[in-house]
Amino acid sequence: MVTKCVCSDVLFSDMKKTADKFGLKSINELKEYIEVGENCQFCHPYIELMLKTGETEFEPVIE
């Protein structure tokens, strides 16, 4: 399962708490509060899904 931004070592569940607290709807808004998705950006599709669905654990989309 994919549960975090590996580069920044931040769990999607922690990102979701921040997004919910401040009403954030995009990766760019989230980046104003937490340093995520800056390097490899493999987490971007997962963060977008988290913001859309509220899920915080995902099946890998790439092997």
PDB file of N, CA and C in Angstrom:
ATOM      1  N   MET A   1       0.839  -1.188   0.000  1.00  0.00           N
ATOM      2  CA  MET A   1       0.000   0.000   0.000  1.00  0.00           C
ATOM      3  C   MET A   1       0.884   1.251   0.000  1.00  0.00           C
ATOM      4  N   VAL A   2       0.416   2.279  -0.668  1.00  0.00           N
ATOM      5  CA  VAL A   2       1.092   3.568  -0.681  1.00  0.00           C
ATOM      6  C   VAL A   2       0.382   4.439   0.355  1.00  0.00           C
ATOM      7  N   THR A   3       1.152   4.915   1.341  1.00  0.00           N
ATOM      8  CA  THR A   3       0.547   5.649   2.455  1.00  0.00           C
ATOM      9  C   THR A   3       1.153   7.018   2.714  1.00  0.00           C
ATOM     10  N   LYS A   4       2.195   7.377   1.920  1.00  0.00           N
ATOM     11  CA  LYS A   4       2.846   8.655   2.221  1.00  0.00           C
ATOM     12  C   LYS A   4       3.644   9.182   1.037  1.00  0.00           C
ATOM     13  N   CYS A   5       4.027  10.439   1.155  1.00  0.00           N
ATOM     14  CA  CYS A   5       5.014  11.048   0.261  1.00  0.00           C
ATOM     15  C   CYS A   5       6.367  10.571   0.764  1.00  0.00           C
ATOM     16  N   VAL A   6       7.030   9.752  -0.026  1.00  0.00           N
ATOM     17  CA  VAL A   6       8.289   9.133   0.402  1.00  0.00           C
ATOM     18  C   VAL A   6       9.390  10.179   0.564  1.00  0.00           C
ATOM     19  N   CYS A   7       9.489  11.109  -0.357  1.00  0.00           N
ATOM     20  CA  CYS A   7      10.568  12.108  -0.302  1.00  0.00           C
ATOM     21  C   CYS A   7      10.498  12.959   0.961  1.00  0.00           C
ATOM     22  N   SER A   8       9.286  13.347   1.343  1.00  0.00           N
ATOM     23  CA  SER A   8       9.118  14.207   2.517  1.00  0.00           C
ATOM     24  C   SER A   8       8.774  13.413   3.770  1.00  0.00           C
ATOM     25  N   ASP A   9       8.517  12.105   3.619  1.00  0.00           N
ATOM     26  CA  ASP A   9       8.149  11.228   4.732  1.00  0.00           C
ATOM     27  C   ASP A   9       6.927  11.763   5.494  1.00  0.00           C
ATOM     28  N   VAL A  10       5.889  12.154   4.736  1.00  0.00           N
ATOM     29  CA  VAL A  10       4.654  12.665   5.322  1.00  0.00           C
ATOM     30  C   VAL A  10       3.514  11.738   4.929  1.00  0.00           C
ATOM     31  N   LEU A  11       2.795  11.233   5.917  1.00  0.00           N
ATOM     32  CA  LEU A  11       1.671  10.333   5.673  1.00  0.00           C
ATOM     33  C   LEU A  11       0.503  11.068   5.020  1.00  0.00           C
ATOM     34  N   PHE A  12      -0.205  10.372   4.136  1.00  0.00           N
ATOM     35  CA  PHE A  12      -1.404  10.949   3.543  1.00  0.00           C
ATOM     36  C   PHE A  12      -2.438  11.254   4.626  1.00  0.00           C
ATOM     37  N   SER A  13      -2.488  10.444   5.676  1.00  0.00           N
ATOM     38  CA  SER A  13      -3.443  10.709   6.764  1.00  0.00           C
ATOM     39  C   SER A  13      -3.142  12.043   7.441  1.00  0.00           C
ATOM     40  N   ASP A  14      -1.864  12.391   7.588  1.00  0.00           N
ATOM     41  CA  ASP A  14      -1.508  13.695   8.156  1.00  0.00           C
ATOM     42  C   ASP A  14      -1.846  14.824   7.181  1.00  0.00           C
ATOM     43  N   MET A  15      -1.629  14.574   5.892  1.00  0.00           N
ATOM     44  CA  MET A  15      -2.000  15.572   4.886  1.00  0.00           C
ATOM     45  C   MET A  15      -3.501  15.821   4.917  1.00  0.00           C
ATOM     46  N   LYS A  16      -4.270  14.727   5.056  1.00  0.00           N
ATOM     47  CA  LYS A  16      -5.732  14.848   5.070  1.00  0.00           C
ATOM     48  C   LYS A  16      -6.196  15.673   6.261  1.00  0.00           C
ATOM     49  N   LYS A  17      -5.592  15.450   7.428  1.00  0.00           N
ATOM     50  CA  LYS A  17      -5.959  16.244   8.611  1.00  0.00           C
ATOM     51  C   LYS A  17      -5.744  17.724   8.353  1.00  0.00           C
ATOM     52  N   THR A  18      -4.621  18.064   7.740  1.00  0.00           N
ATOM     53  CA  THR A  18      -4.326  19.465   7.429  1.00  0.00           C
ATOM     54  C   THR A  18      -5.296  20.002   6.387  1.00  0.00           C
ATOM     55  N   ALA A  19      -5.546  19.217   5.345  1.00  0.00           N
ATOM     56  CA  ALA A  19      -6.466  19.642   4.285  1.00  0.00           C
ATOM     57  C   ALA A  19      -7.867  19.875   4.854  1.00  0.00           C
ATOM     58  N   ASP A  20      -8.315  18.978   5.714  1.00  0.00           N
ATOM     59  CA  ASP A  20      -9.644  19.117   6.316  1.00  0.00           C
ATOM     60  C   ASP A  20      -9.699  20.340   7.231  1.00  0.00           C
ATOM     61  N   LYS A  21      -8.670  20.531   8.023  1.00  0.00           N
ATOM     62  CA  LYS A  21      -8.638  21.638   8.990  1.00  0.00           C
ATOM     63  C   LYS A  21      -8.725  22.994   8.297  1.00  0.00           C
ATOM     64  N   PHE A  22      -8.028  23.136   7.154  1.00  0.00           N
ATOM     65  CA  PHE A  22      -7.962  24.423   6.478  1.00  0.00           C
ATOM     66  C   PHE A  22      -8.795  24.494   5.201  1.00  0.00           C
ATOM     67  N   GLY A  23      -9.543  23.418   4.898  1.00  0.00           N
ATOM     68  CA  GLY A  23     -10.404  23.410   3.712  1.00  0.00           C
ATOM     69  C   GLY A  23      -9.636  23.444   2.398  1.00  0.00           C
ATOM     70  N   LEU A  24      -8.510  22.736   2.354  1.00  0.00           N
ATOM     71  CA  LEU A  24      -7.642  22.753   1.179  1.00  0.00           C
ATOM     72  C   LEU A  24      -8.169  21.796   0.114  1.00  0.00           C
ATOM     73  N   LYS A  25      -8.099  22.226  -1.146  1.00  0.00           N
ATOM     74  CA  LYS A  25      -8.662  21.435  -2.247  1.00  0.00           C
ATOM     75  C   LYS A  25      -7.656  21.076  -3.328  1.00  0.00           C
ATOM     76  N   SER A  26      -6.398  21.523  -3.207  1.00  0.00           N
ATOM     77  CA  SER A  26      -5.417  21.246  -4.259  1.00  0.00           C
ATOM     78  C   SER A  26      -4.042  20.980  -3.646  1.00  0.00           C
ATOM     79  N   ILE A  27      -3.179  20.387  -4.449  1.00  0.00           N
ATOM     80  CA  ILE A  27      -1.810  20.125  -4.003  1.00  0.00           C
ATOM     81  C   ILE A  27      -1.108  21.442  -3.686  1.00  0.00           C
ATOM     82  N   ASN A  28      -1.287  22.439  -4.534  1.00  0.00           N
ATOM     83  CA  ASN A  28      -0.627  23.721  -4.300  1.00  0.00           C
ATOM     84  C   ASN A  28      -1.075  24.363  -2.995  1.00  0.00           C
ATOM     85  N   GLU A  29      -2.363  24.266  -2.687  1.00  0.00           N
ATOM     86  CA  GLU A  29      -2.846  24.786  -1.397  1.00  0.00           C
ATOM     87  C   GLU A  29      -2.226  24.008  -0.246  1.00  0.00           C
ATOM     88  N   LEU A  30      -2.158  22.686  -0.386  1.00  0.00           N
ATOM     89  CA  LEU A  30      -1.574  21.843   0.664  1.00  0.00           C
ATOM     90  C   LEU A  30      -0.103  22.188   0.888  1.00  0.00           C
ATOM     91  N   LYS A  31       0.621  22.467  -0.192  1.00  0.00           N
ATOM     92  CA  LYS A  31       2.046  22.798  -0.097  1.00  0.00           C
ATOM     93  C   LYS A  31       2.304  24.077   0.697  1.00  0.00           C
ATOM     94  N   GLU A  32       1.284  24.925   0.837  1.00  0.00           N
ATOM     95  CA  GLU A  32       1.441  26.134   1.646  1.00  0.00           C
ATOM     96  C   GLU A  32       1.545  25.801   3.129  1.00  0.00           C
ATOM     97  N   TYR A  33       1.090  24.594   3.519  1.00  0.00           N
ATOM     98  CA  TYR A  33       1.074  24.192   4.919  1.00  0.00           C
ATOM     99  C   TYR A  33       2.060  23.073   5.244  1.00  0.00           C
ATOM    100  N   ILE A  34       2.314  22.194   4.267  1.00  0.00           N
ATOM    101  CA  ILE A  34       3.176  21.027   4.475  1.00  0.00           C
ATOM    102  C   ILE A  34       4.114  20.902   3.278  1.00  0.00           C
ATOM    103  N   GLU A  35       5.366  20.572   3.527  1.00  0.00           N
ATOM    104  CA  GLU A  35       6.308  20.348   2.429  1.00  0.00           C
ATOM    105  C   GLU A  35       6.124  18.932   1.904  1.00  0.00           C
ATOM    106  N   VAL A  36       5.428  18.816   0.779  1.00  0.00           N
ATOM    107  CA  VAL A  36       5.183  17.508   0.141  1.00  0.00           C
ATOM    108  C   VAL A  36       5.265  17.660  -1.366  1.00  0.00           C
ATOM    109  N   GLY A  37       5.549  16.560  -2.044  1.00  0.00           N
ATOM    110  CA  GLY A  37       5.497  16.508  -3.490  1.00  0.00           C
ATOM    111  C   GLY A  37       6.491  17.402  -4.203  1.00  0.00           C
ATOM    112  N   GLU A  38       7.606  17.675  -3.584  1.00  0.00           N
ATOM    113  CA  GLU A  38       8.576  18.597  -4.172  1.00  0.00           C
ATOM    114  C   GLU A  38       9.597  17.905  -5.062  1.00  0.00           C
ATOM    115  N   ASN A  39       9.982  16.685  -4.763  1.00  0.00           N
ATOM    116  CA  ASN A  39      11.080  16.036  -5.485  1.00  0.00           C
ATOM    117  C   ASN A  39      10.570  15.159  -6.625  1.00  0.00           C
ATOM    118  N   CYS A  40      10.363  13.895  -6.386  1.00  0.00           N
ATOM    119  CA  CYS A  40      10.016  12.964  -7.470  1.00  0.00           C
ATOM    120  C   CYS A  40       8.593  13.168  -7.986  1.00  0.00           C
ATOM    121  N   GLN A  41       7.716  13.672  -7.163  1.00  0.00           N
ATOM    122  CA  GLN A  41       6.311  13.950  -7.489  1.00  0.00           C
ATOM    123  C   GLN A  41       5.486  12.706  -7.793  1.00  0.00           C
ATOM    124  N   PHE A  42       5.997  11.525  -7.447  1.00  0.00           N
ATOM    125  CA  PHE A  42       5.199  10.303  -7.622  1.00  0.00           C
ATOM    126  C   PHE A  42       3.962  10.304  -6.731  1.00  0.00           C
ATOM    127  N   CYS A  43       3.968  11.099  -5.674  1.00  0.00           N
ATOM    128  CA  CYS A  43       2.832  11.145  -4.763  1.00  0.00           C
ATOM    129  C   CYS A  43       1.683  12.012  -5.287  1.00  0.00           C
ATOM    130  N   HIS A  44       1.927  12.826  -6.292  1.00  0.00           N
ATOM    131  CA  HIS A  44       0.904  13.762  -6.763  1.00  0.00           C
ATOM    132  C   HIS A  44      -0.424  13.091  -7.118  1.00  0.00           C
ATOM    133  N   PRO A  45      -0.434  11.984  -7.890  1.00  0.00           N
ATOM    134  CA  PRO A  45      -1.737  11.356  -8.190  1.00  0.00           C
ATOM    135  C   PRO A  45      -2.442  10.863  -6.925  1.00  0.00           C
ATOM    136  N   TYR A  46      -1.662  10.393  -5.954  1.00  0.00           N
ATOM    137  CA  TYR A  46      -2.251   9.904  -4.702  1.00  0.00           C
ATOM    138  C   TYR A  46      -2.802  11.063  -3.873  1.00  0.00           C
ATOM    139  N   ILE A  47      -2.078  12.174  -3.833  1.00  0.00           N
ATOM    140  CA  ILE A  47      -2.564  13.345  -3.096  1.00  0.00           C
ATOM    141  C   ILE A  47      -3.850  13.855  -3.727  1.00  0.00           C
ATOM    142  N   GLU A  48      -3.893  13.895  -5.058  1.00  0.00           N
ATOM    143  CA  GLU A  48      -5.116  14.331  -5.735  1.00  0.00           C
ATOM    144  C   GLU A  48      -6.291  13.425  -5.399  1.00  0.00           C
ATOM    145  N   LEU A  49      -6.044  12.101  -5.385  1.00  0.00           N
ATOM    146  CA  LEU A  49      -7.103  11.160  -4.998  1.00  0.00           C
ATOM    147  C   LEU A  49      -7.516  11.361  -3.553  1.00  0.00           C
ATOM    148  N   MET A  50      -6.547  11.586  -2.658  1.00  0.00           N
ATOM    149  CA  MET A  50      -6.846  11.806  -1.245  1.00  0.00           C
ATOM    150  C   MET A  50      -7.736  13.033  -1.080  1.00  0.00           C
ATOM    151  N   LEU A  51      -7.394  14.110  -1.775  1.00  0.00           N
ATOM    152  CA  LEU A  51      -8.185  15.330  -1.662  1.00  0.00           C
ATOM    153  C   LEU A  51      -9.585  15.136  -2.231  1.00  0.00           C
ATOM    154  N   LYS A  52      -9.715  14.294  -3.251  1.00  0.00           N
ATOM    155  CA  LYS A  52     -11.007  14.065  -3.895  1.00  0.00           C
ATOM    156  C   LYS A  52     -11.874  13.073  -3.119  1.00  0.00           C
ATOM    157  N   THR A  53     -11.250  11.978  -2.639  1.00  0.00           N
ATOM    158  CA  THR A  53     -12.032  10.886  -2.058  1.00  0.00           C
ATOM    159  C   THR A  53     -11.950  10.783  -0.540  1.00  0.00           C
ATOM    160  N   GLY A  54     -10.903  11.363   0.060  1.00  0.00           N
ATOM    161  CA  GLY A  54     -10.706  11.229   1.501  1.00  0.00           C
ATOM    162  C   GLY A  54      -9.933   9.989   1.891  1.00  0.00           C
ATOM    163  N   GLU A  55      -9.616   9.133   0.917  1.00  0.00           N
ATOM    164  CA  GLU A  55      -8.834   7.929   1.211  1.00  0.00           C
ATOM    165  C   GLU A  55      -7.389   8.318   1.509  1.00  0.00           C
ATOM    166  N   THR A  56      -6.720   7.491   2.338  1.00  0.00           N
ATOM    167  CA  THR A  56      -5.332   7.792   2.690  1.00  0.00           C
ATOM    168  C   THR A  56      -4.386   6.618   2.457  1.00  0.00           C
ATOM    169  N   GLU A  57      -4.906   5.505   1.936  1.00  0.00           N
ATOM    170  CA  GLU A  57      -4.081   4.347   1.577  1.00  0.00           C
ATOM    171  C   GLU A  57      -4.503   3.890   0.192  1.00  0.00           C
ATOM    172  N   PHE A  58      -3.501   3.651  -0.666  1.00  0.00           N
ATOM    173  CA  PHE A  58      -3.790   3.353  -2.058  1.00  0.00           C
ATOM    174  C   PHE A  58      -2.989   2.150  -2.550  1.00  0.00           C
ATOM    175  N   GLU A  59      -3.575   1.450  -3.515  1.00  0.00           N
ATOM    176  CA  GLU A  59      -2.843   0.425  -4.234  1.00  0.00           C
ATOM    177  C   GLU A  59      -1.845   1.152  -5.147  1.00  0.00           C
ATOM    178  N   PRO A  60      -0.647   0.623  -5.315  1.00  0.00           N
ATOM    179  CA  PRO A  60       0.325   1.279  -6.203  1.00  0.00           C
ATOM    180  C   PRO A  60      -0.188   1.360  -7.638  1.00  0.00           C
ATOM    181  N   VAL A  61       0.055   2.496  -8.305  1.00  0.00           N
ATOM    182  CA  VAL A  61      -0.341   2.622  -9.700  1.00  0.00           C
ATOM    183  C   VAL A  61       0.830   2.253 -10.620  1.00  0.00           C
ATOM    184  N   ILE A  62       2.049   2.205 -10.083  1.00  0.00           N
ATOM    185  CA  ILE A  62       3.198   1.742 -10.837  1.00  0.00           C
ATOM    186  C   ILE A  62       3.934   0.697 -10.007  1.00  0.00           C
ATOM    187  N   GLU A  63       4.524  -0.232 -10.653  1.00  0.00           N
ATOM    188  CA  GLU A  63       5.229  -1.304  -9.960  1.00  0.00           C
ATOM    189  C   GLU A  63       6.715  -1.016  -9.945  1.00  0.00           C
TER     190      GLU A  63
END
